[in-house]
Each structure stands twice: as structure tokens, then as C-alpha cells.
Protein backbone atom coordinates (compact mmCIF):
# COMPACT_ATOMS: atom_id res chain seq x y z
CA UNK A 1 105.66 -104.09 17.31
CA UNK A 2 106.49 -107.50 15.71
CA UNK A 3 105.42 -109.88 18.45
CA UNK A 4 106.28 -113.56 18.09
CA UNK A 5 104.70 -116.45 19.97
CA UNK A 6 107.05 -119.27 20.94
CA UNK A 7 106.87 -122.27 23.22
CA UNK A 8 108.01 -121.77 26.78
CA UNK A 9 111.59 -122.81 27.62
CA UNK A 10 113.27 -123.08 31.00
CA UNK A 11 115.05 -119.78 30.29
CA UNK A 12 111.68 -118.05 29.80
CA UNK A 13 110.26 -119.12 33.16
CA UNK A 14 111.38 -116.09 35.25
CA UNK A 15 109.82 -113.70 32.72
CA UNK A 16 106.67 -115.80 32.45
CA UNK A 17 106.32 -115.70 36.23
CA UNK A 18 106.64 -111.90 36.14
CA UNK A 19 103.72 -111.65 33.71
CA UNK A 20 101.56 -113.96 35.83
CA UNK A 21 102.28 -112.23 39.12
CA UNK A 22 101.71 -108.74 37.71
CA UNK A 23 98.58 -109.59 35.76
CA UNK A 24 96.97 -111.50 38.65
CA UNK A 25 97.93 -109.10 41.44
CA UNK A 26 94.36 -107.78 41.76
CA UNK A 27 92.52 -110.79 40.37
CA UNK A 28 89.36 -111.56 42.40
CA UNK A 29 90.23 -115.26 42.74
CA UNK A 30 93.77 -114.44 43.84
CA UNK A 31 92.43 -112.01 46.44
CA UNK A 32 89.82 -114.50 47.64
CA UNK A 33 92.08 -117.52 48.00
CA UNK A 34 94.95 -115.45 49.47
CA UNK A 35 92.62 -113.41 51.64
CA UNK A 36 95.10 -112.66 54.43
CA UNK A 37 97.50 -110.49 52.46
CA UNK A 38 99.83 -110.11 55.45
CA UNK A 39 100.76 -113.77 54.99
CA UNK A 40 101.04 -113.73 51.20
CA UNK A 41 104.56 -114.53 50.03
CA UNK A 42 105.62 -113.48 46.54
CA UNK A 43 108.80 -115.54 46.93
CA UNK A 44 106.86 -118.70 47.74
CA UNK A 45 104.46 -117.91 44.90
CA UNK A 46 107.40 -117.72 42.48
CA UNK A 47 108.55 -121.16 43.59
CA UNK A 48 105.04 -122.53 43.09
CA UNK A 49 104.75 -120.98 39.63
CA UNK A 50 108.20 -122.26 38.63
CA UNK A 51 107.15 -125.81 39.53
CA UNK A 52 103.98 -125.39 37.50
CA UNK A 53 105.91 -124.00 34.52
CA UNK A 54 108.42 -126.87 34.56
CA UNK A 55 105.54 -129.34 34.68
CA UNK A 56 103.74 -127.41 31.92
CA UNK A 57 106.69 -127.58 29.54
CA UNK A 58 106.17 -131.35 29.37
CA UNK A 59 102.43 -131.63 29.88
CA UNK A 60 100.75 -128.51 28.47
CA UNK A 61 100.80 -126.14 25.51
CA UNK A 62 102.79 -123.31 27.07
CA UNK A 63 103.52 -120.15 25.07
CA UNK A 64 105.25 -116.82 25.60
CA UNK A 65 105.07 -113.58 23.61
CA UNK A 66 108.15 -111.51 22.83
CA UNK A 67 108.88 -108.35 20.83
CA UNK A 68 111.62 -109.15 18.33
CA UNK A 69 112.27 -105.47 17.58
CA UNK A 70 112.89 -104.56 21.21
CA UNK A 71 116.28 -104.06 22.79
CA UNK A 72 115.12 -106.72 25.24
CA UNK A 73 114.31 -109.46 22.76
CA UNK A 74 114.13 -112.09 25.49
CA UNK A 75 111.67 -110.15 27.64
CA UNK A 76 108.42 -112.05 28.10
CA UNK A 77 105.41 -109.79 27.41
CA UNK A 78 102.69 -112.38 27.84
CA UNK A 79 102.16 -116.00 28.76
CA UNK A 80 99.51 -118.62 28.03
CA UNK A 81 99.11 -122.18 29.23
CA UNK A 82 96.59 -124.50 27.59
CA UNK A 83 95.84 -128.06 28.61
CA UNK A 84 95.46 -130.33 25.58
CA UNK A 85 92.13 -132.09 24.97
CA UNK A 86 91.63 -135.53 26.45
CA UNK A 87 89.14 -137.61 24.46
CA UNK A 88 86.52 -139.42 26.49
CA UNK A 89 87.76 -142.78 27.71
CA UNK A 90 91.45 -142.08 27.08
CA UNK A 91 93.55 -143.52 29.88
CA UNK A 92 96.40 -141.68 31.57
CA UNK A 93 99.77 -142.74 30.20
CA UNK A 94 102.64 -143.88 32.40
CA UNK A 95 104.52 -140.68 31.54
CA UNK A 96 101.53 -138.55 32.56
CA UNK A 97 101.22 -140.56 35.78
CA UNK A 98 104.89 -140.01 36.60
CA UNK A 99 104.66 -136.31 35.76
CA UNK A 100 101.64 -135.96 38.06
CA UNK A 101 103.59 -137.57 40.90
CA UNK A 102 106.58 -135.31 40.22
CA UNK A 103 104.28 -132.28 40.45
CA UNK A 104 102.69 -133.50 43.68
CA UNK A 105 106.03 -134.31 45.34
CA UNK A 106 107.53 -130.99 44.24
CA UNK A 107 104.59 -129.10 45.71
CA UNK A 108 104.82 -131.16 48.90
CA UNK A 109 108.50 -130.28 49.28
CA UNK A 110 107.72 -126.62 48.61
CA UNK A 111 105.03 -126.55 51.31
CA UNK A 112 107.38 -128.23 53.77
CA UNK A 113 110.02 -125.56 53.17
CA UNK A 114 107.96 -122.45 52.47
CA UNK A 115 104.65 -123.19 54.14
CA UNK A 116 101.39 -122.26 52.49
CA UNK A 117 102.40 -118.67 51.77
CA UNK A 118 99.04 -117.30 52.86
CA UNK A 119 96.98 -119.75 50.80
CA UNK A 120 93.54 -120.32 52.29
CA UNK A 121 93.42 -124.08 51.80
CA UNK A 122 89.72 -124.32 52.58
CA UNK A 123 88.88 -121.79 49.89
CA UNK A 124 91.25 -123.42 47.42
CA UNK A 125 89.40 -126.72 47.74
CA UNK A 126 86.00 -125.01 47.62
CA UNK A 127 87.02 -123.59 44.24
CA UNK A 128 88.56 -126.82 42.94
CA UNK A 129 85.52 -128.90 43.98
CA UNK A 130 83.07 -126.55 42.28
CA UNK A 131 85.31 -126.28 39.24
CA UNK A 132 85.53 -130.06 38.81
CA UNK A 133 81.79 -130.50 39.29
CA UNK A 134 80.87 -127.88 36.70
CA UNK A 135 83.50 -129.00 34.20
CA UNK A 136 82.03 -132.50 34.37
CA UNK A 137 78.60 -131.12 33.49
CA UNK A 138 79.87 -128.75 30.79
CA UNK A 139 82.50 -130.82 29.00
CA UNK A 140 80.18 -133.01 26.96
CA UNK A 141 82.16 -133.21 23.71
CA UNK A 142 83.79 -136.67 23.48
CA UNK A 143 86.77 -135.16 21.63
CA UNK A 144 87.73 -133.17 24.71
CA UNK A 145 88.50 -129.46 25.04
CA UNK A 146 91.51 -127.20 24.81
CA UNK A 147 91.46 -125.63 28.29
CA UNK A 148 93.08 -122.21 28.73
CA UNK A 149 94.42 -122.40 32.27
CA UNK A 150 96.50 -119.20 32.17
CA UNK A 151 96.62 -116.21 29.84
CA UNK A 152 98.40 -113.06 30.97
CA UNK A 153 99.94 -109.95 29.46
CA UNK A 154 102.11 -107.46 31.33
CA UNK A 155 99.93 -104.49 32.33
CA UNK A 156 102.26 -102.15 30.42
CA UNK A 157 101.75 -104.17 27.23
CA UNK A 158 97.99 -104.69 27.35
CA UNK A 159 95.79 -103.35 24.55
CA UNK A 160 98.35 -104.19 21.85
CA UNK A 161 96.84 -107.45 20.60
CA UNK A 162 99.30 -109.70 22.43
CA UNK A 163 96.55 -111.59 24.23
CA UNK A 164 94.80 -112.31 20.92
CA UNK A 165 98.01 -113.79 19.50
CA UNK A 166 98.41 -116.01 22.56
CA UNK A 167 94.85 -117.24 22.09
CA UNK A 168 95.24 -117.86 18.37
CA UNK A 169 98.27 -120.07 18.99
CA UNK A 170 95.72 -122.67 20.10
CA UNK A 171 92.30 -121.57 18.80
CA UNK A 172 93.52 -121.73 15.19
CA UNK A 173 94.72 -125.27 15.85
CA UNK A 174 91.40 -126.13 17.47
CA UNK A 175 89.56 -124.85 14.39
CA UNK A 176 91.67 -127.07 12.13
CA UNK A 177 91.02 -130.10 14.34
CA UNK A 178 87.32 -129.35 14.83
CA UNK A 179 87.69 -129.15 18.60
CA UNK A 180 86.28 -126.74 21.18
CA UNK A 181 88.11 -124.41 23.55
CA UNK A 182 87.26 -123.54 27.14
CA UNK A 183 88.40 -121.00 29.71
CA UNK A 184 87.42 -119.60 33.08
CA UNK A 185 87.61 -116.08 34.49
CA UNK A 186 86.98 -114.64 37.93
CA UNK A 187 86.90 -111.07 36.55
CA UNK A 188 83.81 -109.97 34.62
CA UNK A 189 85.17 -106.65 33.39
CA UNK A 190 86.79 -106.30 30.99
CA UNK A 191 87.50 -110.01 30.48
CA UNK A 192 84.08 -111.23 29.34
CA UNK A 193 83.81 -108.53 26.67
CA UNK A 194 87.34 -109.27 25.44
CA UNK A 195 86.73 -113.01 25.30
CA UNK A 196 83.44 -112.41 23.51
CA UNK A 197 85.26 -110.59 20.71
CA UNK A 198 87.38 -113.70 20.25
CA UNK A 199 84.37 -115.96 19.86
CA UNK A 200 83.91 -117.21 23.43
CA UNK A 201 80.52 -117.16 25.08
CA UNK A 202 79.70 -117.45 28.75
CA UNK A 203 77.84 -120.68 29.43
CA UNK A 204 77.66 -120.77 33.21
CA UNK A 205 78.61 -118.85 36.32
CA UNK A 206 80.31 -120.58 39.21
CA UNK A 207 79.86 -119.23 42.73
CA UNK A 208 82.19 -120.23 45.55
CA UNK A 209 80.98 -119.30 49.02
CA UNK A 210 83.03 -119.43 52.20
CA UNK A 211 80.78 -118.30 55.06
CA UNK A 212 79.42 -115.39 53.04
CA UNK A 213 82.67 -114.44 51.34
CA UNK A 214 81.92 -115.13 47.69
CA UNK A 215 84.11 -115.48 44.62
CA UNK A 216 82.49 -115.97 41.23
CA UNK A 217 83.90 -117.54 38.11
CA UNK A 218 82.59 -117.24 34.56
CA UNK A 219 82.89 -120.41 32.51
CA UNK A 220 83.29 -119.78 28.80
CA UNK A 221 83.42 -122.02 25.75
CA UNK A 222 84.42 -121.42 22.15
CA UNK A 223 82.76 -123.51 19.47
CA UNK A 224 84.78 -124.62 16.46
CA UNK A 225 85.51 -122.23 13.61
CA UNK A 226 86.27 -119.00 15.46
CA UNK A 227 85.39 -115.88 13.49
CA UNK A 228 87.57 -113.23 15.06
CA UNK A 229 90.39 -113.21 12.48
């Protein structure tokens, strides 16, 4: 299966959203932050993910995997979004500032029209607060880190090496630049073992507690010169 990795385009967004929604359907974080499943809206979630994808095209390293030998050559099999490294002390550009405002206003309009779609806002901010605090303590390299925010493969296509190709689209670049990579996972099995084979190592566990309902996240870093070729 000759899989190619290309940058995300607007035409790819519906397929990318399919991979994200299917791969994260039973994700512990997803289940924790959308804990009342009777209120969860897949339609609203698609709108949210589309906004994020449009923002990511301009602000992130966003990739999709496709099978060029398939009858459905445009079908998205996997998706990955990486945030580029920000060196210590680098100021936000005007373009980044405007893009951040566009994202915020788009999400505000979405919430006004669609509501929260079952999102437990309290839990969302518990996670984001803990995440920011731990990232501040972990991200000590002044060059900054490539941060894998999303990596997904359709369940029907898993185990075929697609995820590895989506990782290498950035980890190979990081090796060349002498930079480190970073990712987070709320699922221990099988994720930690898979990431370990690609050179990542768990450096800290994050625990988010909402009145006894706990969600854990594993924080992983990859040093330069990955050895999983």
C-alpha cells in the first residue's frame, strides 16, 4: 500500500475530521471532557474541528495520509497536526496575533449557534491549566519543541505503518534541525508502547481530578536523532 504524506488542504478537511472523530471516539480524555454523552453533538464537533483545521493550515504543520493505489485516492487514512517550535523569547507576530483572534471569534460564533455540544467546560479548563503548568516545567530547551497535538489513523487502517509515516514527516525534520519533539496521550495502552518504539519516552504523568473523576495524561518527549528508522 503506497501511502503518501501531504500537507492538509481545505478539500482534505472533511476526511481529516472523519479520522479524528473515529480514532478519538473512545479516547479517555474525550470521554472525560464530554462526560454527558446524551448532550454530545457530532455535528457541533465537526464544526469545531473544521475551524481548528482551517486555523491549522496557516499556523501548524498539518499532514494527511492517502493511499495512491486505492480507488479512493483522495480518502484520508490518517491525520497529524504538529505545532512548530517557538524559541525562547520569540515574540508573537502580527499575523499570529490576528490568526489567534480569528480562531477565538470563530469559536465564539460556533458556541453562540451550536452551544457547547456537551463539553464540560470545567473539566476542559482543569485539563488546560494542568497542561500549561506541566509544559512550562518540561519545555526547558530554548530552541522550542515540535508539539504533536493530533495524530490519528482510521481504525480500519491501523497497524499498517501509517502512523509512523505521519510522525516521520516531522521527527525527521526535527533530527536535521537538532530539535526535540513532544506529545501527550490520555491512553496508556497501546499508545505508550507504540510511541516508545518511535523513540519517545514518558517523562511525566498528568492527573486531572474533577471531584474524584480522574483523567490522566502521559507526557512524552523525543530527544534529537531518533533511531526508529
